[in-house]
Amino acid sequence: TYLGELKSIHNKTSHGFSIGLPIDIRWNDRLTINFSPSFNIVNSQQVIFSPMNEDLNPIVRKSKHMLQDLRGDNFNSFEFPVALKFRSEEKRIFNSDSKYRAYVLGGARLTRWSGLLIHYDDLKLESKNNRPVPEGLIMKPEYMSWEAGVGFEFYLSYFKVSPELRFSQSMNNVFSN
């Protein structure tokens, strides 16, 4: 290959945008089951291939990136996370009617790529018709990951605000070998 022997293959830190519907099923005052299906519209997931030879630049590819092309695109995805949320007691914010509470959560997430199989079927058709098919990153159509997080719930007069920080790690390889 162009890079020779590889030192590492890893994800580049990235950002994204998703629309979701949060659903909390209350077990008791402190324990809830959190289900928040979402659709990721914009994701900038990238994979970095770093060579052992430090004189060569790493190659950065997106999930729908053909290796001979400098451009790339990503698939949109549907995510189905389920988490157990343990919340603290409610506390008042100073002397107002507003309240807050902290929480920790842990659970699992199923991610399903949209349009992935159609894209791969098109590539198979090109191959059957003896047309050249560019090399690409072949991803599994879905994968599971575990996640953990912390957050706060602020109960204001007319609505609730819940900033949250979640860590997610896939359980298996997301690439199809």
N, C-alpha and C. Protein backbone atom coordinates (compact mmCIF):
# COMPACT_ATOMS: atom_id res chain seq x y z
N THR A 1 0.84 -1.20 0.00
CA THR A 1 0.00 0.00 0.00
C THR A 1 0.87 1.24 0.00
N TYR A 2 0.26 2.35 -0.21
CA TYR A 2 0.95 3.64 -0.26
C TYR A 2 1.66 3.95 1.05
N LEU A 3 1.03 3.61 2.19
CA LEU A 3 1.59 3.96 3.49
C LEU A 3 2.60 2.96 4.02
N GLY A 4 2.67 1.78 3.40
CA GLY A 4 3.54 0.74 3.94
C GLY A 4 2.90 0.14 5.18
N GLU A 5 3.73 -0.14 6.17
CA GLU A 5 3.20 -0.72 7.40
C GLU A 5 2.51 0.36 8.23
N LEU A 6 1.37 0.00 8.83
CA LEU A 6 0.60 0.98 9.59
C LEU A 6 0.95 0.96 11.07
N LYS A 7 1.03 2.16 11.66
CA LYS A 7 1.24 2.29 13.09
C LYS A 7 -0.10 2.21 13.82
N SER A 8 -1.13 2.85 13.26
CA SER A 8 -2.45 2.83 13.91
C SER A 8 -3.55 3.16 12.91
N ILE A 9 -4.75 2.70 13.26
CA ILE A 9 -5.98 3.07 12.56
C ILE A 9 -6.93 3.51 13.67
N HIS A 10 -7.36 4.77 13.63
CA HIS A 10 -8.22 5.26 14.70
C HIS A 10 -9.19 6.31 14.18
N ASN A 11 -10.23 6.57 14.97
CA ASN A 11 -11.21 7.60 14.63
C ASN A 11 -10.67 8.97 14.97
N LYS A 12 -10.99 9.91 14.12
CA LYS A 12 -10.67 11.30 14.40
C LYS A 12 -11.79 11.87 15.27
N THR A 13 -11.45 12.66 16.26
CA THR A 13 -12.46 13.31 17.08
C THR A 13 -13.34 14.15 16.17
N SER A 14 -14.65 14.02 16.34
CA SER A 14 -15.54 14.69 15.40
C SER A 14 -16.80 15.20 16.10
N HIS A 15 -17.61 15.90 15.34
CA HIS A 15 -18.86 16.45 15.83
C HIS A 15 -20.00 15.98 14.94
N GLY A 16 -21.22 16.25 15.35
CA GLY A 16 -22.36 15.85 14.54
C GLY A 16 -23.61 16.56 15.00
N PHE A 17 -24.71 16.28 14.31
CA PHE A 17 -26.00 16.87 14.64
C PHE A 17 -27.06 15.80 14.51
N SER A 18 -27.90 15.67 15.50
CA SER A 18 -28.95 14.66 15.42
C SER A 18 -30.25 15.21 16.00
N ILE A 19 -31.33 14.60 15.58
CA ILE A 19 -32.66 14.94 16.08
C ILE A 19 -33.19 13.70 16.78
N GLY A 20 -33.63 13.86 18.01
CA GLY A 20 -34.09 12.70 18.77
C GLY A 20 -35.34 12.98 19.56
N LEU A 21 -35.90 11.93 20.10
CA LEU A 21 -37.09 12.01 20.92
C LEU A 21 -36.78 11.36 22.26
N PRO A 22 -36.53 12.16 23.32
CA PRO A 22 -36.18 11.57 24.62
C PRO A 22 -37.42 11.00 25.32
N ILE A 23 -37.30 9.78 25.80
CA ILE A 23 -38.38 9.12 26.53
C ILE A 23 -37.81 8.59 27.84
N ASP A 24 -38.37 9.03 28.94
CA ASP A 24 -37.96 8.54 30.26
C ASP A 24 -39.11 7.75 30.86
N ILE A 25 -38.84 6.52 31.22
CA ILE A 25 -39.82 5.69 31.92
C ILE A 25 -39.40 5.67 33.38
N ARG A 26 -40.25 6.22 34.22
CA ARG A 26 -39.90 6.41 35.63
C ARG A 26 -40.15 5.13 36.42
N TRP A 27 -39.09 4.56 36.98
CA TRP A 27 -39.18 3.36 37.80
C TRP A 27 -39.58 3.77 39.22
N ASN A 28 -38.86 4.74 39.76
CA ASN A 28 -39.20 5.39 41.03
C ASN A 28 -38.63 6.80 40.97
N ASP A 29 -38.62 7.52 42.09
CA ASP A 29 -38.19 8.92 42.06
C ASP A 29 -36.73 9.08 41.64
N ARG A 30 -35.90 8.09 41.90
CA ARG A 30 -34.47 8.19 41.61
C ARG A 30 -34.02 7.42 40.38
N LEU A 31 -34.77 6.44 39.95
CA LEU A 31 -34.33 5.54 38.89
C LEU A 31 -35.28 5.61 37.69
N THR A 32 -34.72 5.87 36.51
CA THR A 32 -35.53 5.90 35.28
C THR A 32 -34.82 5.09 34.20
N ILE A 33 -35.61 4.63 33.24
CA ILE A 33 -35.07 4.00 32.05
C ILE A 33 -35.17 5.03 30.94
N ASN A 34 -34.05 5.36 30.34
CA ASN A 34 -33.99 6.41 29.33
C ASN A 34 -33.87 5.77 27.95
N PHE A 35 -34.82 6.09 27.06
CA PHE A 35 -34.79 5.63 25.67
C PHE A 35 -34.92 6.86 24.80
N SER A 36 -33.93 7.11 23.95
CA SER A 36 -33.98 8.31 23.12
C SER A 36 -33.55 8.00 21.69
N PRO A 37 -34.47 7.45 20.88
CA PRO A 37 -34.12 7.18 19.48
C PRO A 37 -33.82 8.49 18.75
N SER A 38 -32.84 8.44 17.86
CA SER A 38 -32.46 9.66 17.15
C SER A 38 -32.02 9.35 15.72
N PHE A 39 -32.02 10.39 14.91
CA PHE A 39 -31.57 10.32 13.52
C PHE A 39 -30.41 11.30 13.36
N ASN A 40 -29.23 10.79 13.01
CA ASN A 40 -28.05 11.63 12.82
C ASN A 40 -28.03 12.16 11.39
N ILE A 41 -28.19 13.45 11.27
CA ILE A 41 -28.25 14.08 9.95
C ILE A 41 -26.86 14.44 9.45
N VAL A 42 -26.09 15.06 10.28
CA VAL A 42 -24.75 15.49 9.90
C VAL A 42 -23.77 14.79 10.83
N ASN A 43 -22.87 14.01 10.27
CA ASN A 43 -21.81 13.46 11.10
C ASN A 43 -20.51 13.61 10.35
N SER A 44 -19.47 13.84 11.08
CA SER A 44 -18.17 14.05 10.44
C SER A 44 -17.20 12.97 10.86
N GLN A 45 -17.71 11.75 10.96
CA GLN A 45 -16.88 10.62 11.37
C GLN A 45 -15.78 10.39 10.33
N GLN A 46 -14.56 10.26 10.80
CA GLN A 46 -13.43 10.03 9.91
C GLN A 46 -12.50 8.99 10.52
N VAL A 47 -11.83 8.24 9.67
CA VAL A 47 -10.86 7.24 10.09
C VAL A 47 -9.49 7.69 9.62
N ILE A 48 -8.50 7.62 10.51
CA ILE A 48 -7.14 8.04 10.18
C ILE A 48 -6.24 6.82 10.12
N PHE A 49 -5.55 6.63 9.00
CA PHE A 49 -4.57 5.56 8.81
C PHE A 49 -3.19 6.19 8.97
N SER A 50 -2.50 5.87 10.06
CA SER A 50 -1.18 6.47 10.34
C SER A 50 -0.07 5.48 10.00
N PRO A 51 0.90 5.91 9.18
CA PRO A 51 2.00 5.00 8.79
C PRO A 51 3.10 4.94 9.85
N MET A 52 3.87 3.86 9.82
CA MET A 52 5.04 3.74 10.70
C MET A 52 6.10 4.78 10.30
N ASN A 53 6.22 5.01 8.99
CA ASN A 53 7.18 5.98 8.47
C ASN A 53 6.64 7.38 8.73
N GLU A 54 7.29 8.13 9.59
CA GLU A 54 6.80 9.45 9.98
C GLU A 54 6.96 10.49 8.86
N ASP A 55 7.70 10.16 7.80
CA ASP A 55 7.84 11.09 6.67
C ASP A 55 6.59 11.11 5.80
N LEU A 56 5.77 10.06 5.87
CA LEU A 56 4.54 9.99 5.09
C LEU A 56 3.38 10.57 5.89
N ASN A 57 2.51 11.28 5.19
CA ASN A 57 1.32 11.84 5.84
C ASN A 57 0.26 10.77 6.04
N PRO A 58 -0.49 10.83 7.15
CA PRO A 58 -1.59 9.87 7.34
C PRO A 58 -2.69 10.09 6.30
N ILE A 59 -3.47 9.05 6.04
CA ILE A 59 -4.61 9.16 5.14
C ILE A 59 -5.87 9.25 5.99
N VAL A 60 -6.74 10.21 5.68
CA VAL A 60 -8.00 10.41 6.40
C VAL A 60 -9.14 10.08 5.45
N ARG A 61 -10.05 9.18 5.89
CA ARG A 61 -11.17 8.77 5.05
C ARG A 61 -12.47 8.84 5.83
N LYS A 62 -13.56 9.15 5.11
CA LYS A 62 -14.90 9.12 5.70
C LYS A 62 -15.54 7.77 5.40
N SER A 63 -16.72 7.51 5.99
CA SER A 63 -17.32 6.18 5.88
C SER A 63 -17.76 5.82 4.46
N LYS A 64 -18.12 6.77 3.62
CA LYS A 64 -18.51 6.48 2.24
C LYS A 64 -17.46 7.08 1.31
N HIS A 65 -16.22 6.78 1.56
CA HIS A 65 -15.10 7.41 0.87
C HIS A 65 -14.43 6.36 -0.01
N MET A 66 -14.27 6.65 -1.27
CA MET A 66 -13.54 5.77 -2.15
C MET A 66 -12.06 6.14 -2.06
N LEU A 67 -11.21 5.14 -1.94
CA LEU A 67 -9.81 5.40 -1.60
C LEU A 67 -9.06 6.21 -2.65
N GLN A 68 -9.48 6.13 -3.91
CA GLN A 68 -8.76 6.89 -4.94
C GLN A 68 -9.28 8.32 -5.06
N ASP A 69 -10.31 8.66 -4.30
CA ASP A 69 -10.95 9.96 -4.41
C ASP A 69 -10.53 10.84 -3.23
N LEU A 70 -10.36 12.12 -3.45
CA LEU A 70 -9.99 13.02 -2.36
C LEU A 70 -11.22 13.49 -1.59
N ARG A 71 -12.40 13.38 -2.18
CA ARG A 71 -13.63 13.77 -1.50
C ARG A 71 -14.17 12.57 -0.74
N GLY A 72 -15.17 12.81 0.07
CA GLY A 72 -15.80 11.72 0.79
C GLY A 72 -17.12 12.18 1.36
N ASP A 73 -17.89 11.23 1.84
CA ASP A 73 -19.19 11.53 2.39
C ASP A 73 -19.43 10.55 3.53
N ASN A 74 -20.40 10.80 4.35
CA ASN A 74 -20.76 9.89 5.42
C ASN A 74 -22.22 9.48 5.29
N PHE A 75 -22.53 8.33 5.80
CA PHE A 75 -23.90 7.86 5.83
C PHE A 75 -24.62 8.50 7.02
N ASN A 76 -25.92 8.73 6.87
CA ASN A 76 -26.73 9.11 8.02
C ASN A 76 -27.04 7.85 8.81
N SER A 77 -27.46 8.01 10.06
CA SER A 77 -27.73 6.82 10.86
C SER A 77 -28.90 7.03 11.80
N PHE A 78 -29.50 5.90 12.18
CA PHE A 78 -30.52 5.87 13.22
C PHE A 78 -29.86 5.26 14.45
N GLU A 79 -30.13 5.83 15.61
CA GLU A 79 -29.56 5.30 16.84
C GLU A 79 -30.67 5.02 17.84
N PHE A 80 -30.52 3.89 18.54
CA PHE A 80 -31.51 3.46 19.51
C PHE A 80 -30.81 3.16 20.84
N PRO A 81 -30.58 4.19 21.67
CA PRO A 81 -29.92 3.96 22.96
C PRO A 81 -30.94 3.66 24.07
N VAL A 82 -30.57 2.75 24.96
CA VAL A 82 -31.36 2.45 26.16
C VAL A 82 -30.40 2.54 27.33
N ALA A 83 -30.75 3.34 28.34
CA ALA A 83 -29.85 3.54 29.48
C ALA A 83 -30.64 3.55 30.78
N LEU A 84 -29.98 3.15 31.82
CA LEU A 84 -30.51 3.23 33.17
C LEU A 84 -29.96 4.50 33.79
N LYS A 85 -30.85 5.37 34.25
CA LYS A 85 -30.44 6.68 34.78
C LYS A 85 -30.73 6.73 36.29
N PHE A 86 -29.68 6.99 37.08
CA PHE A 86 -29.83 7.14 38.52
C PHE A 86 -29.69 8.62 38.87
N ARG A 87 -30.78 9.20 39.44
CA ARG A 87 -30.82 10.64 39.70
C ARG A 87 -30.69 10.95 41.19
N SER A 88 -30.13 12.12 41.50
CA SER A 88 -30.00 12.57 42.89
C SER A 88 -31.32 13.19 43.36
N GLU A 89 -31.35 13.63 44.60
CA GLU A 89 -32.52 14.35 45.11
C GLU A 89 -32.63 15.70 44.41
N GLU A 90 -33.85 16.21 44.31
CA GLU A 90 -34.04 17.55 43.76
C GLU A 90 -33.55 18.59 44.76
N LYS A 91 -32.91 19.61 44.25
CA LYS A 91 -32.43 20.72 45.08
C LYS A 91 -32.99 22.01 44.49
N ARG A 92 -33.20 23.00 45.32
CA ARG A 92 -33.67 24.31 44.85
C ARG A 92 -32.49 25.17 44.42
N ILE A 93 -32.71 25.98 43.39
CA ILE A 93 -31.70 26.94 42.95
C ILE A 93 -31.94 28.22 43.75
N PHE A 94 -31.10 28.47 44.72
CA PHE A 94 -31.21 29.61 45.63
C PHE A 94 -32.61 29.65 46.23
N ASN A 95 -33.30 30.75 46.19
CA ASN A 95 -34.64 30.86 46.79
C ASN A 95 -35.72 30.94 45.72
N SER A 96 -35.48 30.37 44.55
CA SER A 96 -36.47 30.44 43.47
C SER A 96 -37.30 29.16 43.43
N ASP A 97 -38.27 29.13 42.51
CA ASP A 97 -39.08 27.94 42.30
C ASP A 97 -38.35 26.90 41.45
N SER A 98 -37.25 27.30 40.83
CA SER A 98 -36.50 26.40 39.95
C SER A 98 -35.73 25.37 40.77
N LYS A 99 -35.65 24.15 40.21
CA LYS A 99 -34.95 23.06 40.88
C LYS A 99 -33.96 22.41 39.92
N TYR A 100 -33.05 21.62 40.49
CA TYR A 100 -32.10 20.88 39.66
C TYR A 100 -31.78 19.56 40.33
N ARG A 101 -31.23 18.64 39.57
CA ARG A 101 -30.71 17.38 40.10
C ARG A 101 -29.65 16.86 39.14
N ALA A 102 -28.69 16.13 39.69
CA ALA A 102 -27.63 15.52 38.90
C ALA A 102 -28.00 14.06 38.64
N TYR A 103 -27.38 13.46 37.65
CA TYR A 103 -27.62 12.04 37.39
C TYR A 103 -26.41 11.40 36.71
N VAL A 104 -26.34 10.08 36.83
CA VAL A 104 -25.38 9.26 36.09
C VAL A 104 -26.19 8.22 35.33
N LEU A 105 -25.66 7.79 34.19
CA LEU A 105 -26.38 6.78 33.42
C LEU A 105 -25.42 5.83 32.75
N GLY A 106 -25.94 4.66 32.39
CA GLY A 106 -25.16 3.66 31.68
C GLY A 106 -26.10 2.77 30.89
N GLY A 107 -25.66 2.31 29.72
CA GLY A 107 -26.53 1.47 28.91
C GLY A 107 -25.87 1.04 27.62
N ALA A 108 -26.71 0.73 26.64
CA ALA A 108 -26.25 0.24 25.33
C ALA A 108 -26.93 1.03 24.22
N ARG A 109 -26.32 1.02 23.04
CA ARG A 109 -26.85 1.74 21.88
C ARG A 109 -26.70 0.88 20.64
N LEU A 110 -27.76 0.81 19.85
CA LEU A 110 -27.73 0.17 18.53
C LEU A 110 -27.69 1.28 17.49
N THR A 111 -26.71 1.24 16.61
CA THR A 111 -26.61 2.22 15.52
C THR A 111 -26.82 1.49 14.20
N ARG A 112 -27.70 2.01 13.38
CA ARG A 112 -28.03 1.43 12.07
C ARG A 112 -27.81 2.50 11.01
N TRP A 113 -26.92 2.22 10.06
CA TRP A 113 -26.61 3.18 8.98
C TRP A 113 -27.73 3.17 7.96
N SER A 114 -28.16 4.34 7.51
CA SER A 114 -29.21 4.42 6.50
C SER A 114 -28.57 4.55 5.12
N GLY A 115 -29.04 3.77 4.16
CA GLY A 115 -28.53 3.82 2.80
C GLY A 115 -27.27 3.02 2.56
N LEU A 116 -26.75 2.39 3.59
CA LEU A 116 -25.49 1.66 3.47
C LEU A 116 -25.62 0.46 2.54
N LEU A 117 -26.64 -0.36 2.75
CA LEU A 117 -26.80 -1.58 1.94
C LEU A 117 -27.10 -1.25 0.48
N ILE A 118 -27.86 -0.20 0.23
CA ILE A 118 -28.15 0.21 -1.15
C ILE A 118 -26.86 0.63 -1.85
N HIS A 119 -26.02 1.37 -1.13
CA HIS A 119 -24.73 1.80 -1.68
C HIS A 119 -23.85 0.59 -2.02
N TYR A 120 -23.79 -0.40 -1.11
CA TYR A 120 -22.98 -1.59 -1.36
C TYR A 120 -23.57 -2.45 -2.48
N ASP A 121 -24.90 -2.50 -2.59
CA ASP A 121 -25.53 -3.24 -3.69
C ASP A 121 -25.16 -2.62 -5.04
N ASP A 122 -25.11 -1.29 -5.08
CA ASP A 122 -24.69 -0.60 -6.31
C ASP A 122 -23.25 -0.96 -6.67
N LEU A 123 -22.38 -1.04 -5.66
CA LEU A 123 -20.99 -1.41 -5.92
C LEU A 123 -20.88 -2.85 -6.42
N LYS A 124 -21.70 -3.77 -5.87
CA LYS A 124 -21.70 -5.16 -6.33
C LYS A 124 -22.16 -5.25 -7.78
N LEU A 125 -23.19 -4.46 -8.14
CA LEU A 125 -23.69 -4.44 -9.51
C LEU A 125 -22.61 -3.96 -10.47
N GLU A 126 -21.88 -2.93 -10.06
CA GLU A 126 -20.77 -2.43 -10.90
C GLU A 126 -19.74 -3.54 -11.11
N SER A 127 -19.45 -4.28 -10.05
CA SER A 127 -18.47 -5.36 -10.13
C SER A 127 -18.95 -6.48 -11.06
N LYS A 128 -20.24 -6.84 -10.98
CA LYS A 128 -20.79 -7.89 -11.83
C LYS A 128 -20.77 -7.49 -13.30
N ASN A 129 -20.90 -6.19 -13.58
CA ASN A 129 -20.88 -5.68 -14.96
C ASN A 129 -19.46 -5.41 -15.45
N ASN A 130 -18.49 -5.94 -14.73
CA ASN A 130 -17.06 -5.82 -15.07
C ASN A 130 -16.59 -4.37 -15.18
N ARG A 131 -17.20 -3.50 -14.40
CA ARG A 131 -16.73 -2.13 -14.33
C ARG A 131 -15.80 -2.00 -13.13
N PRO A 132 -14.80 -1.14 -13.20
CA PRO A 132 -13.88 -1.00 -12.06
C PRO A 132 -14.62 -0.43 -10.84
N VAL A 133 -14.42 -1.05 -9.72
CA VAL A 133 -15.02 -0.59 -8.47
C VAL A 133 -13.91 -0.04 -7.59
N PRO A 134 -14.02 1.23 -7.17
CA PRO A 134 -12.98 1.79 -6.31
C PRO A 134 -12.98 1.13 -4.94
N GLU A 135 -11.80 1.07 -4.33
CA GLU A 135 -11.71 0.53 -2.98
C GLU A 135 -12.37 1.49 -2.01
N GLY A 136 -12.99 0.96 -1.00
CA GLY A 136 -13.63 1.81 -0.01
C GLY A 136 -13.61 1.17 1.36
N LEU A 137 -14.05 1.91 2.34
CA LEU A 137 -14.19 1.38 3.69
C LEU A 137 -15.53 0.65 3.76
N ILE A 138 -15.52 -0.63 4.03
CA ILE A 138 -16.76 -1.42 4.08
C ILE A 138 -17.16 -1.55 5.55
N MET A 139 -18.28 -0.92 5.87
CA MET A 139 -18.74 -0.91 7.25
C MET A 139 -19.89 -1.89 7.43
N LYS A 140 -20.05 -2.39 8.65
CA LYS A 140 -21.20 -3.23 8.97
C LYS A 140 -22.46 -2.36 8.96
N PRO A 141 -23.61 -2.91 8.56
CA PRO A 141 -24.83 -2.08 8.50
C PRO A 141 -25.31 -1.62 9.87
N GLU A 142 -24.92 -2.32 10.93
CA GLU A 142 -25.31 -1.89 12.27
C GLU A 142 -24.27 -2.40 13.26
N TYR A 143 -24.20 -1.74 14.40
CA TYR A 143 -23.29 -2.18 15.46
C TYR A 143 -23.84 -1.75 16.81
N MET A 144 -23.36 -2.44 17.84
CA MET A 144 -23.75 -2.14 19.22
C MET A 144 -22.59 -1.43 19.92
N SER A 145 -22.94 -0.56 20.86
CA SER A 145 -21.93 0.09 21.68
C SER A 145 -22.47 0.24 23.09
N TRP A 146 -21.57 0.37 24.05
CA TRP A 146 -21.97 0.65 25.42
C TRP A 146 -21.71 2.12 25.67
N GLU A 147 -22.43 2.70 26.62
CA GLU A 147 -22.21 4.11 26.93
C GLU A 147 -22.42 4.41 28.40
N ALA A 148 -21.78 5.46 28.84
CA ALA A 148 -21.90 5.95 30.21
C ALA A 148 -21.92 7.47 30.16
N GLY A 149 -22.56 8.09 31.12
CA GLY A 149 -22.63 9.54 31.09
C GLY A 149 -23.04 10.16 32.40
N VAL A 150 -22.93 11.48 32.46
CA VAL A 150 -23.35 12.29 33.60
C VAL A 150 -24.11 13.49 33.06
N GLY A 151 -24.98 14.06 33.89
CA GLY A 151 -25.72 15.22 33.45
C GLY A 151 -26.46 15.89 34.58
N PHE A 152 -27.16 16.96 34.24
CA PHE A 152 -27.98 17.71 35.18
C PHE A 152 -29.35 17.92 34.56
N GLU A 153 -30.37 17.97 35.39
CA GLU A 153 -31.71 18.35 34.96
C GLU A 153 -32.06 19.63 35.69
N PHE A 154 -32.34 20.70 34.94
CA PHE A 154 -32.77 21.96 35.52
C PHE A 154 -34.25 22.13 35.23
N TYR A 155 -35.05 22.20 36.28
CA TYR A 155 -36.50 22.37 36.15
C TYR A 155 -36.81 23.85 36.31
N LEU A 156 -37.12 24.51 35.20
CA LEU A 156 -37.44 25.93 35.23
C LEU A 156 -38.97 26.08 35.23
N SER A 157 -39.47 27.29 35.21
CA SER A 157 -40.91 27.52 35.35
C SER A 157 -41.75 26.79 34.30
N TYR A 158 -41.32 26.81 33.02
CA TYR A 158 -42.15 26.25 31.95
C TYR A 158 -41.52 25.09 31.19
N PHE A 159 -40.27 24.76 31.47
CA PHE A 159 -39.62 23.68 30.75
C PHE A 159 -38.44 23.13 31.55
N LYS A 160 -37.86 22.04 31.03
CA LYS A 160 -36.71 21.38 31.66
C LYS A 160 -35.53 21.42 30.69
N VAL A 161 -34.36 21.75 31.20
CA VAL A 161 -33.12 21.75 30.42
C VAL A 161 -32.22 20.67 30.99
N SER A 162 -31.65 19.82 30.11
CA SER A 162 -30.82 18.70 30.58
C SER A 162 -29.50 18.61 29.82
N PRO A 163 -28.49 19.39 30.19
CA PRO A 163 -27.18 19.20 29.56
C PRO A 163 -26.59 17.86 30.03
N GLU A 164 -25.93 17.18 29.10
CA GLU A 164 -25.46 15.82 29.38
C GLU A 164 -24.16 15.57 28.65
N LEU A 165 -23.30 14.78 29.25
CA LEU A 165 -22.05 14.37 28.62
C LEU A 165 -22.05 12.84 28.60
N ARG A 166 -22.00 12.25 27.38
CA ARG A 166 -22.03 10.79 27.23
C ARG A 166 -20.77 10.31 26.53
N PHE A 167 -20.27 9.17 27.00
CA PHE A 167 -19.15 8.49 26.38
C PHE A 167 -19.69 7.21 25.76
N SER A 168 -19.33 6.95 24.52
CA SER A 168 -19.82 5.76 23.82
C SER A 168 -18.65 5.03 23.18
N GLN A 169 -18.62 3.71 23.33
CA GLN A 169 -17.55 2.88 22.77
C GLN A 169 -18.17 1.65 22.13
N SER A 170 -17.82 1.39 20.87
CA SER A 170 -18.39 0.22 20.20
C SER A 170 -17.90 -1.07 20.85
N MET A 171 -18.75 -2.09 20.83
CA MET A 171 -18.40 -3.37 21.44
C MET A 171 -17.56 -4.23 20.49
N ASN A 172 -17.73 -4.05 19.20
CA ASN A 172 -17.03 -4.85 18.19
C ASN A 172 -16.43 -3.94 17.14
N ASN A 173 -15.80 -4.54 16.17
CA ASN A 173 -15.27 -3.84 15.02
C ASN A 173 -16.44 -3.34 14.16
N VAL A 174 -16.47 -2.08 13.78
CA VAL A 174 -17.55 -1.54 12.95
C VAL A 174 -17.30 -1.76 11.47
N PHE A 175 -16.10 -2.21 11.12
CA PHE A 175 -15.79 -2.49 9.73
C PHE A 175 -16.03 -3.96 9.40
N SER A 176 -16.51 -4.22 8.20
CA SER A 176 -16.72 -5.59 7.74
C SER A 176 -15.45 -6.03 7.05
N ASN A 177 -14.82 -7.05 7.58
CA ASN A 177 -13.53 -7.48 7.02
C ASN A 177 -13.69 -8.34 5.80
